């Protein structure tokens, strides 16, 4: 019971983190200028890393916590 709740919370946190970094990256990209050159690529790289972690975690959760 407790593990199911923790898995759901962790999944939501991972997905929110990916969404927030995606929005920040797109915002930085559209802002342009020096800020875009400095941070846009780094934010998108961070998004890809977070997506990888989220996919691995969600697949692991689905495999280990199936009913």
C-alpha atoms as a PDB file:
ATOM      1  CA  UNK A   1       0.000   0.000   0.000  1.00  0.00           C
ATOM      2  CA  UNK A   2       2.658   2.518   1.039  1.00  0.00           C
ATOM      3  CA  UNK A   3       4.955   1.451  -1.798  1.00  0.00           C
ATOM      4  CA  UNK A   4       2.164   2.045  -4.333  1.00  0.00           C
ATOM      5  CA  UNK A   5       1.674   5.580  -3.046  1.00  0.00           C
ATOM      6  CA  UNK A   6       5.419   6.276  -3.133  1.00  0.00           C
ATOM      7  CA  UNK A   7       5.656   4.944  -6.695  1.00  0.00           C
ATOM      8  CA  UNK A   8       2.796   7.197  -7.809  1.00  0.00           C
ATOM      9  CA  UNK A   9       4.308  10.237  -6.106  1.00  0.00           C
ATOM     10  CA  UNK A  10       7.769   9.535  -7.558  1.00  0.00           C
ATOM     11  CA  UNK A  11       6.268   9.063 -11.036  1.00  0.00           C
ATOM     12  CA  UNK A  12       4.386  12.345 -10.834  1.00  0.00           C
ATOM     13  CA  UNK A  13       7.486  14.180  -9.608  1.00  0.00           C
ATOM     14  CA  UNK A  14       9.549  12.795 -12.502  1.00  0.00           C
ATOM     15  CA  UNK A  15       6.941  13.752 -15.079  1.00  0.00           C
ATOM     16  CA  UNK A  16       6.559  17.243 -13.605  1.00  0.00           C
ATOM     17  CA  UNK A  17      10.335  17.719 -13.655  1.00  0.00           C
ATOM     18  CA  UNK A  18      10.444  16.804 -17.350  1.00  0.00           C
ATOM     19  CA  UNK A  19       7.567  19.176 -18.094  1.00  0.00           C
ATOM     20  CA  UNK A  20       9.105  22.066 -16.182  1.00  0.00           C
ATOM     21  CA  UNK A  21      12.490  21.682 -17.870  1.00  0.00           C
ATOM     22  CA  UNK A  22      10.747  21.425 -21.257  1.00  0.00           C
ATOM     23  CA  UNK A  23       8.818  24.649 -20.661  1.00  0.00           C
ATOM     24  CA  UNK A  24      11.949  26.442 -19.419  1.00  0.00           C
ATOM     25  CA  UNK A  25      13.922  25.243 -22.449  1.00  0.00           C
ATOM     26  CA  UNK A  26      11.283  26.355 -24.938  1.00  0.00           C
ATOM     27  CA  UNK A  27      10.926  29.698 -23.166  1.00  0.00           C
ATOM     28  CA  UNK A  28      14.665  30.248 -23.284  1.00  0.00           C
ATOM     29  CA  UNK A  29      14.761  29.269 -26.950  1.00  0.00           C
ATOM     30  CA  UNK A  30      12.079  31.805 -27.875  1.00  0.00           C
ATOM     31  CA  UNK A  31      13.641  34.509 -25.722  1.00  0.00           C
ATOM     32  CA  UNK A  32      16.701  34.478 -27.959  1.00  0.00           C
ATOM     33  CA  UNK A  33      19.858  36.477 -27.536  1.00  0.00           C
ATOM     34  CA  UNK A  34      22.725  35.623 -25.220  1.00  0.00           C
ATOM     35  CA  UNK A  35      20.480  33.780 -22.763  1.00  0.00           C
ATOM     36  CA  UNK A  36      19.326  31.401 -25.466  1.00  0.00           C
ATOM     37  CA  UNK A  37      22.881  30.675 -26.592  1.00  0.00           C
ATOM     38  CA  UNK A  38      23.985  30.003 -23.038  1.00  0.00           C
ATOM     39  CA  UNK A  39      21.127  27.940 -21.586  1.00  0.00           C
ATOM     40  CA  UNK A  40      18.823  26.576 -24.292  1.00  0.00           C
ATOM     41  CA  UNK A  41      20.988  23.626 -25.305  1.00  0.00           C
ATOM     42  CA  UNK A  42      21.841  22.738 -21.697  1.00  0.00           C
ATOM     43  CA  UNK A  43      18.163  22.739 -20.713  1.00  0.00           C
ATOM     44  CA  UNK A  44      17.252  20.482 -23.621  1.00  0.00           C
ATOM     45  CA  UNK A  45      20.074  18.101 -22.699  1.00  0.00           C
ATOM     46  CA  UNK A  46      18.762  18.056 -19.128  1.00  0.00           C
ATOM     47  CA  UNK A  47      15.269  17.337 -20.474  1.00  0.00           C
ATOM     48  CA  UNK A  48      16.526  14.356 -22.469  1.00  0.00           C
ATOM     49  CA  UNK A  49      18.327  13.009 -19.395  1.00  0.00           C
ATOM     50  CA  UNK A  50      15.225  13.451 -17.220  1.00  0.00           C
ATOM     51  CA  UNK A  51      13.074  11.771 -19.875  1.00  0.00           C
ATOM     52  CA  UNK A  52      15.454   8.817 -19.947  1.00  0.00           C
ATOM     53  CA  UNK A  53      15.311   8.495 -16.162  1.00  0.00           C
ATOM     54  CA  UNK A  54      11.519   8.834 -16.168  1.00  0.00           C
ATOM     55  CA  UNK A  55      11.037   6.189 -18.867  1.00  0.00           C
ATOM     56  CA  UNK A  56      13.362   3.717 -17.125  1.00  0.00           C
ATOM     57  CA  UNK A  57      11.656   4.343 -13.776  1.00  0.00           C
ATOM     58  CA  UNK A  58       8.129   4.018 -15.179  1.00  0.00           C
ATOM     59  CA  UNK A  59       8.947   0.824 -17.051  1.00  0.00           C
ATOM     60  CA  UNK A  60      10.605  -0.575 -13.917  1.00  0.00           C
ATOM     61  CA  UNK A  61       7.598   0.351 -11.810  1.00  0.00           C
ATOM     62  CA  UNK A  62       5.244  -1.279 -14.310  1.00  0.00           C
ATOM     63  CA  UNK A  63       7.332  -4.455 -14.308  1.00  0.00           C
ATOM     64  CA  UNK A  64       7.956  -4.799 -10.574  1.00  0.00           C
ATOM     65  CA  UNK A  65       4.634  -3.509  -9.247  1.00  0.00           C
ATOM     66  CA  UNK A  66       2.237  -5.242 -11.614  1.00  0.00           C
ATOM     67  CA  UNK A  67      -0.771  -6.850  -9.986  1.00  0.00           C
END
